[in-house]
PDB file of N, CA and C in Angstrom:
ATOM      1  N   MET A   1       0.844  -1.185   0.001  1.00  0.00           N
ATOM      2  CA  MET A   1       0.001   0.006   0.004  1.00  0.00           C
ATOM      3  C   MET A   1       0.886   1.238   0.005  1.00  0.00           C
ATOM      4  N   ASN A   2       0.434   2.247  -0.687  1.00  0.00           N
ATOM      5  CA  ASN A   2       1.190   3.498  -0.676  1.00  0.00           C
ATOM      6  C   ASN A   2       0.617   4.442   0.372  1.00  0.00           C
ATOM      7  N   ARG A   3       1.223   5.588   0.521  1.00  0.00           N
ATOM      8  CA  ARG A   3       0.842   6.536   1.556  1.00  0.00           C
ATOM      9  C   ARG A   3      -0.607   7.017   1.408  1.00  0.00           C
ATOM     10  N   ASP A   4      -1.035   7.264   0.182  1.00  0.00           N
ATOM     11  CA  ASP A   4      -2.400   7.729  -0.044  1.00  0.00           C
ATOM     12  C   ASP A   4      -3.435   6.702   0.407  1.00  0.00           C
ATOM     13  N   GLU A   5      -3.185   5.438   0.114  1.00  0.00           N
ATOM     14  CA  GLU A   5      -4.113   4.393   0.528  1.00  0.00           C
ATOM     15  C   GLU A   5      -4.162   4.268   2.054  1.00  0.00           C
ATOM     16  N   LEU A   6      -3.002   4.361   2.695  1.00  0.00           N
ATOM     17  CA  LEU A   6      -2.955   4.305   4.151  1.00  0.00           C
ATOM     18  C   LEU A   6      -3.677   5.497   4.774  1.00  0.00           C
ATOM     19  N   ASP A   7      -3.522   6.665   4.186  1.00  0.00           N
ATOM     20  CA  ASP A   7      -4.242   7.844   4.675  1.00  0.00           C
ATOM     21  C   ASP A   7      -5.753   7.671   4.534  1.00  0.00           C
ATOM     22  N   ARG A   8      -6.184   7.078   3.419  1.00  0.00           N
ATOM     23  CA  ARG A   8      -7.593   6.843   3.188  1.00  0.00           C
ATOM     24  C   ARG A   8      -8.182   5.886   4.241  1.00  0.00           C
ATOM     25  N   VAL A   9      -7.441   4.824   4.560  1.00  0.00           N
ATOM     26  CA  VAL A   9      -7.893   3.879   5.575  1.00  0.00           C
ATOM     27  C   VAL A   9      -7.960   4.554   6.939  1.00  0.00           C
ATOM     28  N   ARG A  10      -6.982   5.392   7.234  1.00  0.00           N
ATOM     29  CA  ARG A  10      -6.982   6.117   8.513  1.00  0.00           C
ATOM     30  C   ARG A  10      -8.175   7.056   8.617  1.00  0.00           C
ATOM     31  N   GLN A  11      -8.489   7.759   7.529  1.00  0.00           N
ATOM     32  CA  GLN A  11      -9.658   8.642   7.535  1.00  0.00           C
ATOM     33  C   GLN A  11     -10.950   7.834   7.718  1.00  0.00           C
ATOM     34  N   TRP A  12     -11.022   6.665   7.129  1.00  0.00           N
ATOM     35  CA  TRP A  12     -12.198   5.794   7.299  1.00  0.00           C
ATOM     36  C   TRP A  12     -12.340   5.381   8.764  1.00  0.00           C
ATOM     37  N   ALA A  13     -11.224   4.979   9.380  1.00  0.00           N
ATOM     38  CA  ALA A  13     -11.257   4.575  10.774  1.00  0.00           C
ATOM     39  C   ALA A  13     -11.647   5.766  11.662  1.00  0.00           C
ATOM     40  N   ASN A  14     -11.142   6.957  11.360  1.00  0.00           N
ATOM     41  CA  ASN A  14     -11.515   8.145  12.125  1.00  0.00           C
ATOM     42  C   ASN A  14     -13.002   8.448  11.989  1.00  0.00           C
ATOM     43  N   ALA A  15     -13.550   8.266  10.779  1.00  0.00           N
ATOM     44  CA  ALA A  15     -14.981   8.499  10.580  1.00  0.00           C
ATOM     45  C   ALA A  15     -15.820   7.521  11.392  1.00  0.00           C
ATOM     46  N   LYS A  16     -15.393   6.270  11.452  1.00  0.00           N
ATOM     47  CA  LYS A  16     -16.100   5.278  12.254  1.00  0.00           C
ATOM     48  C   LYS A  16     -16.069   5.651  13.734  1.00  0.00           C
ATOM     49  N   LEU A  17     -14.914   6.129  14.200  1.00  0.00           N
ATOM     50  CA  LEU A  17     -14.780   6.509  15.609  1.00  0.00           C
ATOM     51  C   LEU A  17     -15.593   7.762  15.924  1.00  0.00           C
ATOM     52  N   ALA A  18     -15.699   8.660  14.957  1.00  0.00           N
ATOM     53  CA  ALA A  18     -16.374   9.928  15.205  1.00  0.00           C
ATOM     54  C   ALA A  18     -17.879   9.775  15.350  1.00  0.00           C
ATOM     55  N   THR A  19     -18.453   8.727  14.786  1.00  0.00           N
ATOM     56  CA  THR A  19     -19.900   8.550  14.891  1.00  0.00           C
ATOM     57  C   THR A  19     -20.335   8.242  16.312  1.00  0.00           C
ATOM     58  N   GLY A  20     -19.499   7.537  17.058  1.00  0.00           N
ATOM     59  CA  GLY A  20     -19.852   7.163  18.418  1.00  0.00           C
ATOM     60  C   GLY A  20     -20.885   6.053  18.489  1.00  0.00           C
ATOM     61  N   GLU A  21     -21.183   5.424  17.379  1.00  0.00           N
ATOM     62  CA  GLU A  21     -22.202   4.379  17.328  1.00  0.00           C
ATOM     63  C   GLU A  21     -21.610   2.960  17.327  1.00  0.00           C
ATOM     64  N   GLU A  22     -20.318   2.864  17.369  1.00  0.00           N
ATOM     65  CA  GLU A  22     -19.689   1.560  17.313  1.00  0.00           C
ATOM     66  C   GLU A  22     -19.713   0.883  18.685  1.00  0.00           C
ATOM     67  N   PRO A  23     -19.898  -0.442  18.731  1.00  0.00           N
ATOM     68  CA  PRO A  23     -19.830  -1.126  20.022  1.00  0.00           C
ATOM     69  C   PRO A  23     -18.406  -1.040  20.584  1.00  0.00           C
ATOM     70  N   PRO A  24     -18.252  -1.242  21.887  1.00  0.00           N
ATOM     71  CA  PRO A  24     -16.927  -1.097  22.512  1.00  0.00           C
ATOM     72  C   PRO A  24     -15.856  -1.953  21.869  1.00  0.00           C
ATOM     73  N   TRP A  25     -16.162  -3.182  21.500  1.00  0.00           N
ATOM     74  CA  TRP A  25     -15.142  -4.052  20.907  1.00  0.00           C
ATOM     75  C   TRP A  25     -14.702  -3.508  19.550  1.00  0.00           C
ATOM     76  N   ALA A  26     -15.633  -2.939  18.762  1.00  0.00           N
ATOM     77  CA  ALA A  26     -15.282  -2.395  17.449  1.00  0.00           C
ATOM     78  C   ALA A  26     -14.502  -1.084  17.622  1.00  0.00           C
ATOM     79  N   TRP A  27     -14.931  -0.268  18.584  1.00  0.00           N
ATOM     80  CA  TRP A  27     -14.221   0.985  18.845  1.00  0.00           C
ATOM     81  C   TRP A  27     -12.762   0.714  19.168  1.00  0.00           C
ATOM     82  N   TYR A  28     -12.514  -0.307  20.001  1.00  0.00           N
ATOM     83  CA  TYR A  28     -11.157  -0.674  20.377  1.00  0.00           C
ATOM     84  C   TYR A  28     -10.342  -1.099  19.149  1.00  0.00           C
ATOM     85  N   GLN A  29     -10.963  -1.865  18.253  1.00  0.00           N
ATOM     86  CA  GLN A  29     -10.261  -2.309  17.060  1.00  0.00           C
ATOM     87  C   GLN A  29      -9.939  -1.146  16.119  1.00  0.00           C
ATOM     88  N   TYR A  30     -10.870  -0.196  15.987  1.00  0.00           N
ATOM     89  CA  TYR A  30     -10.608   0.991  15.161  1.00  0.00           C
ATOM     90  C   TYR A  30      -9.490   1.832  15.748  1.00  0.00           C
ATOM     91  N   MET A  31      -9.446   1.912  17.075  1.00  0.00           N
ATOM     92  CA  MET A  31      -8.355   2.661  17.729  1.00  0.00           C
ATOM     93  C   MET A  31      -7.005   1.985  17.473  1.00  0.00           C
ATOM     94  N   LYS A  32      -6.979   0.670  17.572  1.00  0.00           N
ATOM     95  CA  LYS A  32      -5.724  -0.045  17.296  1.00  0.00           C
ATOM     96  C   LYS A  32      -5.318   0.147  15.853  1.00  0.00           C
ATOM     97  N   LEU A  33      -6.296   0.129  14.928  1.00  0.00           N
ATOM     98  CA  LEU A  33      -5.998   0.342  13.517  1.00  0.00           C
ATOM     99  C   LEU A  33      -5.419   1.725  13.301  1.00  0.00           C
ATOM    100  N   ARG A  34      -6.032   2.721  13.910  1.00  0.00           N
ATOM    101  CA  ARG A  34      -5.554   4.101  13.753  1.00  0.00           C
ATOM    102  C   ARG A  34      -4.154   4.253  14.319  1.00  0.00           C
ATOM    103  N   GLU A  35      -3.881   3.690  15.491  1.00  0.00           N
ATOM    104  CA  GLU A  35      -2.556   3.787  16.085  1.00  0.00           C
ATOM    105  C   GLU A  35      -1.504   3.070  15.249  1.00  0.00           C
ATOM    106  N   THR A  36      -1.880   1.932  14.675  1.00  0.00           N
ATOM    107  CA  THR A  36      -0.963   1.205  13.810  1.00  0.00           C
ATOM    108  C   THR A  36      -0.668   1.992  12.548  1.00  0.00           C
ATOM    109  N   LEU A  37      -1.706   2.571  11.952  1.00  0.00           N
ATOM    110  CA  LEU A  37      -1.498   3.389  10.750  1.00  0.00           C
ATOM    111  C   LEU A  37      -0.651   4.612  11.066  1.00  0.00           C
ATOM    112  N   ASP A  38      -0.850   5.223  12.230  1.00  0.00           N
ATOM    113  CA  ASP A  38      -0.008   6.358  12.632  1.00  0.00           C
ATOM    114  C   ASP A  38       1.452   5.950  12.713  1.00  0.00           C
ATOM    115  N   ALA A  39       1.713   4.771  13.281  1.00  0.00           N
ATOM    116  CA  ALA A  39       3.090   4.278  13.414  1.00  0.00           C
ATOM    117  C   ALA A  39       3.699   3.987  12.040  1.00  0.00           C
ATOM    118  N   ILE A  40       2.922   3.383  11.168  1.00  0.00           N
ATOM    119  CA  ILE A  40       3.427   3.066   9.821  1.00  0.00           C
ATOM    120  C   ILE A  40       3.726   4.350   9.056  1.00  0.00           C
ATOM    121  N   LEU A  41       2.804   5.304   9.114  1.00  0.00           N
ATOM    122  CA  LEU A  41       3.022   6.567   8.402  1.00  0.00           C
ATOM    123  C   LEU A  41       4.207   7.338   8.966  1.00  0.00           C
ATOM    124  N   ALA A  42       4.373   7.311  10.279  1.00  0.00           N
ATOM    125  CA  ALA A  42       5.540   7.983  10.890  1.00  0.00           C
ATOM    126  C   ALA A  42       6.835   7.281  10.455  1.00  0.00           C
ATOM    127  N   GLY A  43       6.796   5.959  10.362  1.00  0.00           N
ATOM    128  CA  GLY A  43       7.960   5.221   9.895  1.00  0.00           C
ATOM    129  C   GLY A  43       8.292   5.549   8.449  1.00  0.00           C
ATOM    130  N   MET A  44       7.259   5.687   7.636  1.00  0.00           N
ATOM    131  CA  MET A  44       7.488   6.061   6.231  1.00  0.00           C
ATOM    132  C   MET A  44       8.110   7.446   6.144  1.00  0.00           C
ATOM    133  N   ASP A  45       7.637   8.374   6.991  1.00  0.00           N
ATOM    134  CA  ASP A  45       8.206   9.720   6.996  1.00  0.00           C
ATOM    135  C   ASP A  45       9.669   9.690   7.425  1.00  0.00           C
ATOM    136  N   ALA A  46       9.969   8.889   8.438  1.00  0.00           N
ATOM    137  CA  ALA A  46      11.342   8.803   8.926  1.00  0.00           C
ATOM    138  C   ALA A  46      12.268   8.209   7.876  1.00  0.00           C
ATOM    139  N   VAL A  47      11.799   7.196   7.180  1.00  0.00           N
ATOM    140  CA  VAL A  47      12.624   6.564   6.149  1.00  0.00           C
ATOM    141  C   VAL A  47      12.856   7.522   5.001  1.00  0.00           C
ATOM    142  N   SER A  48      11.824   8.239   4.575  1.00  0.00           N
ATOM    143  CA  SER A  48      12.001   9.176   3.467  1.00  0.00           C
ATOM    144  C   SER A  48      12.902  10.343   3.875  1.00  0.00           C
ATOM    145  N   ALA A  49      12.808  10.786   5.151  1.00  0.00           N
ATOM    146  CA  ALA A  49      13.674  11.869   5.604  1.00  0.00           C
ATOM    147  C   ALA A  49      15.125  11.401   5.667  1.00  0.00           C
ATOM    148  N   THR A  50      15.337  10.169   6.134  1.00  0.00           N
ATOM    149  CA  THR A  50      16.688   9.619   6.204  1.00  0.00           C
ATOM    150  C   THR A  50      17.274   9.412   4.819  1.00  0.00           C
ATOM    151  N   ALA A  51      16.440   8.930   3.902  1.00  0.00           N
ATOM    152  CA  ALA A  51      16.911   8.689   2.537  1.00  0.00           C
ATOM    153  C   ALA A  51      17.289  10.003   1.855  1.00  0.00           C
ATOM    154  N   SER A  52      16.489  11.043   2.041  1.00  0.00           N
ATOM    155  CA  SER A  52      16.835  12.329   1.429  1.00  0.00           C
ATOM    156  C   SER A  52      18.070  12.942   2.073  1.00  0.00           C
ATOM    157  N   LEU A  53      18.242  12.728   3.373  1.00  0.00           N
ATOM    158  CA  LEU A  53      19.426  13.221   4.065  1.00  0.00           C
ATOM    159  C   LEU A  53      20.678  12.521   3.559  1.00  0.00           C
ATOM    160  N   GLN A  54      20.594  11.213   3.348  1.00  0.00           N
ATOM    161  CA  GLN A  54      21.756  10.473   2.866  1.00  0.00           C
ATOM    162  C   GLN A  54      22.099  10.850   1.449  1.00  0.00           C
ATOM    163  N   GLN A  55      21.114  11.183   0.641  1.00  0.00           N
ATOM    164  CA  GLN A  55      21.408  11.594  -0.739  1.00  0.00           C
ATOM    165  C   GLN A  55      22.053  12.953  -0.796  1.00  0.00           C
ATOM    166  N   SER A  56      21.727  13.819   0.170  1.00  0.00           N
ATOM    167  CA  SER A  56      22.278  15.155   0.130  1.00  0.00           C
ATOM    168  C   SER A  56      23.721  15.218   0.623  1.00  0.00           C
ATOM    169  N   GLU A  57      24.107  14.295   1.513  1.00  0.00           N
ATOM    170  CA  GLU A  57      25.458  14.301   2.051  1.00  0.00           C
ATOM    171  C   GLU A  57      26.381  13.417   1.185  1.00  0.00           C
ATOM    172  N   PRO A  58      27.531  13.939   0.776  1.00  0.00           N
ATOM    173  CA  PRO A  58      28.454  13.100   0.011  1.00  0.00           C
ATOM    174  C   PRO A  58      29.118  12.068   0.911  1.00  0.00           C
ATOM    175  N   HIS A  59      29.482  10.948   0.337  1.00  0.00           N
ATOM    176  CA  HIS A  59      30.151   9.892   1.087  1.00  0.00           C
ATOM    177  C   HIS A  59      31.584  10.328   1.363  1.00  0.00           C
ATOM    178  N   ARG A  60      31.985  10.274   2.620  1.00  0.00           N
ATOM    179  CA  ARG A  60      33.300  10.759   3.015  1.00  0.00           C
ATOM    180  C   ARG A  60      34.413   9.752   2.722  1.00  0.00           C
ATOM    181  N   GLY A  61      34.068   8.525   2.513  1.00  0.00           N
ATOM    182  CA  GLY A  61      35.075   7.527   2.234  1.00  0.00           C
ATOM    183  C   GLY A  61      35.833   7.071   3.461  1.00  0.00           C
ATOM    184  N   THR A  62      35.309   7.290   4.650  1.00  0.00           N
ATOM    185  CA  THR A  62      35.975   6.842   5.846  1.00  0.00           C
ATOM    186  C   THR A  62      35.728   5.346   6.042  1.00  0.00           C
ATOM    187  N   HIS A  63      36.703   4.683   6.601  1.00  0.00           N
ATOM    188  CA  HIS A  63      36.622   3.248   6.799  1.00  0.00           C
ATOM    189  C   HIS A  63      36.959   2.935   8.260  1.00  0.00           C
ATOM    190  N   LEU A  64      36.664   1.731   8.653  1.00  0.00           N
ATOM    191  CA  LEU A  64      37.050   1.281   9.991  1.00  0.00           C
ATOM    192  C   LEU A  64      38.552   1.152  10.067  1.00  0.00           C
ATOM    193  N   ARG A  65      39.095   1.388  11.234  1.00  0.00           N
ATOM    194  CA  ARG A  65      40.529   1.214  11.395  1.00  0.00           C
ATOM    195  C   ARG A  65      40.781   0.449  12.691  1.00  0.00           C
ATOM    196  N   LEU A  66      41.869  -0.279  12.729  1.00  0.00           N
ATOM    197  CA  LEU A  66      42.240  -1.026  13.921  1.00  0.00           C
ATOM    198  C   LEU A  66      42.887  -0.111  14.942  1.00  0.00           C
ATOM    199  N   VAL A  67      42.614  -0.363  16.205  1.00  0.00           N
ATOM    200  CA  VAL A  67      43.196   0.433  17.276  1.00  0.00           C
ATOM    201  C   VAL A  67      44.054  -0.496  18.116  1.00  0.00           C
ATOM    202  N   ASP A  68      45.255  -0.055  18.425  1.00  0.00           N
ATOM    203  CA  ASP A  68      46.189  -0.850  19.204  1.00  0.00           C
ATOM    204  C   ASP A  68      45.815  -0.789  20.675  1.00  0.00           C
ATOM    205  N   SER A  69      45.767  -1.938  21.334  1.00  0.00           N
ATOM    206  CA  SER A  69      45.389  -1.957  22.757  1.00  0.00           C
ATOM    207  C   SER A  69      46.495  -2.588  23.611  1.00  0.00           C
ATOM    208  N   ILE A  70      47.747  -2.521  23.192  1.00  0.00           N
ATOM    209  CA  ILE A  70      48.866  -3.099  23.945  1.00  0.00           C
ATOM    210  C   ILE A  70      49.104  -2.234  25.185  1.00  0.00           C
ATOM    211  N   GLY A  71      49.301  -2.908  26.330  1.00  0.00           N
ATOM    212  CA  GLY A  71      49.629  -2.206  27.552  1.00  0.00           C
ATOM    213  C   GLY A  71      48.430  -1.694  28.311  1.00  0.00           C
ATOM    214  N   ARG A  72      47.258  -1.968  27.907  1.00  0.00           N
ATOM    215  CA  ARG A  72      46.055  -1.489  28.582  1.00  0.00           C
ATOM    216  C   ARG A  72      45.501  -2.498  29.583  1.00  0.00           C
ATOM    217  N   GLN A  73      46.033  -3.683  29.620  1.00  0.00           N
ATOM    218  CA  GLN A  73      45.504  -4.718  30.491  1.00  0.00           C
ATOM    219  C   GLN A  73      45.796  -4.471  31.955  1.00  0.00           C
ATOM    220  N   ASP A  74      46.866  -3.734  32.263  1.00  0.00           N
ATOM    221  CA  ASP A  74      47.225  -3.508  33.649  1.00  0.00           C
ATOM    222  C   ASP A  74      46.445  -2.360  34.279  1.00  0.00           C
ATOM    223  N   ILE A  75      45.588  -1.696  33.566  1.00  0.00           N
ATOM    224  CA  ILE A  75      44.817  -0.575  34.087  1.00  0.00           C
ATOM    225  C   ILE A  75      43.621  -1.066  34.898  1.00  0.00           C
ATOM    226  N   ALA A  76      43.047  -2.198  34.545  1.00  0.00           N
ATOM    227  CA  ALA A  76      41.861  -2.718  35.230  1.00  0.00           C
ATOM    228  C   ALA A  76      42.215  -3.029  36.690  1.00  0.00           C
ATOM    229  N   GLN A  77      41.335  -2.601  37.600  1.00  0.00           N
ATOM    230  CA  GLN A  77      41.557  -2.850  39.022  1.00  0.00           C
ATOM    231  C   GLN A  77      40.949  -4.200  39.394  1.00  0.00           C
ATOM    232  N   LEU A  78      41.710  -4.954  40.169  1.00  0.00           N
ATOM    233  CA  LEU A  78      41.249  -6.249  40.611  1.00  0.00           C
ATOM    234  C   LEU A  78      40.481  -6.100  41.918  1.00  0.00           C
ATOM    235  N   HIS A  79      39.551  -7.015  42.159  1.00  0.00           N
ATOM    236  CA  HIS A  79      38.824  -7.032  43.418  1.00  0.00           C
ATOM    237  C   HIS A  79      39.710  -7.638  44.500  1.00  0.00           C
ATOM    238  N   PRO A  80      39.626  -7.124  45.719  1.00  0.00           N
ATOM    239  CA  PRO A  80      40.441  -7.698  46.793  1.00  0.00           C
ATOM    240  C   PRO A  80      40.004  -9.141  47.083  1.00  0.00           C
ATOM    241  N   VAL A  81      40.958 -10.008  47.305  1.00  0.00           N
ATOM    242  CA  VAL A  81      40.692 -11.417  47.546  1.00  0.00           C
ATOM    243  C   VAL A  81      40.198 -11.636  48.971  1.00  0.00           C
ATOM    244  N   GLU A  82      40.546 -10.743  49.898  1.00  0.00           N
ATOM    245  CA  GLU A  82      40.224 -10.938  51.297  1.00  0.00           C
ATOM    246  C   GLU A  82      38.731 -10.903  51.593  1.00  0.00           C
ATOM    247  N   GLN A  83      37.962 -10.149  50.851  1.00  0.00           N
ATOM    248  CA  GLN A  83      36.536 -10.005  51.167  1.00  0.00           C
ATOM    249  C   GLN A  83      35.732 -11.161  50.587  1.00  0.00           C
ATOM    250  N   PRO A  84      35.020 -11.917  51.438  1.00  0.00           N
ATOM    251  CA  PRO A  84      34.207 -13.009  50.924  1.00  0.00           C
ATOM    252  C   PRO A  84      32.959 -12.483  50.242  1.00  0.00           C
ATOM    253  N   VAL A  85      32.489 -13.217  49.290  1.00  0.00           N
ATOM    254  CA  VAL A  85      31.258 -12.855  48.587  1.00  0.00           C
ATOM    255  C   VAL A  85      30.075 -13.356  49.384  1.00  0.00           C
ATOM    256  N   LEU A  86      29.122 -12.479  49.681  1.00  0.00           N
ATOM    257  CA  LEU A  86      27.928 -12.834  50.419  1.00  0.00           C
ATOM    258  C   LEU A  86      26.867 -13.315  49.480  1.00  0.00           C
ATOM    259  N   LEU A  87      26.371 -14.509  49.664  1.00  0.00           N
ATOM    260  CA  LEU A  87      25.336 -15.072  48.817  1.00  0.00           C
ATOM    261  C   LEU A  87      24.016 -15.082  49.592  1.00  0.00           C
ATOM    262  N   PRO A  88      22.883 -14.898  48.895  1.00  0.00           N
ATOM    263  CA  PRO A  88      21.595 -14.956  49.588  1.00  0.00           C
ATOM    264  C   PRO A  88      21.308 -16.389  50.054  1.00  0.00           C
ATOM    265  N   MET A  89      20.611 -16.501  51.177  1.00  0.00           N
ATOM    266  CA  MET A  89      20.313 -17.824  51.739  1.00  0.00           C
ATOM    267  C   MET A  89      19.086 -18.383  51.107  1.00  0.00           C
TER     268      MET A  89
END
């Protein structure tokens, strides 16, 4: 479905809710439908905004690089051996 079709379904659900004539179980289902459509439409907006943002920014060509970690092992502090660990009974 495209955005227009989803908007049309949302308007239909809103019209059903606006009448106030729906039984409670149907009202709940229309509310869930509307909330789901709101989430889908918001997701579509976020994806299109991200896609347009990525198209506007040029690729920098940066890559992952390895970092040397030699000599960093002695920085970690050890727990004292003298203190016993208390376990729950």
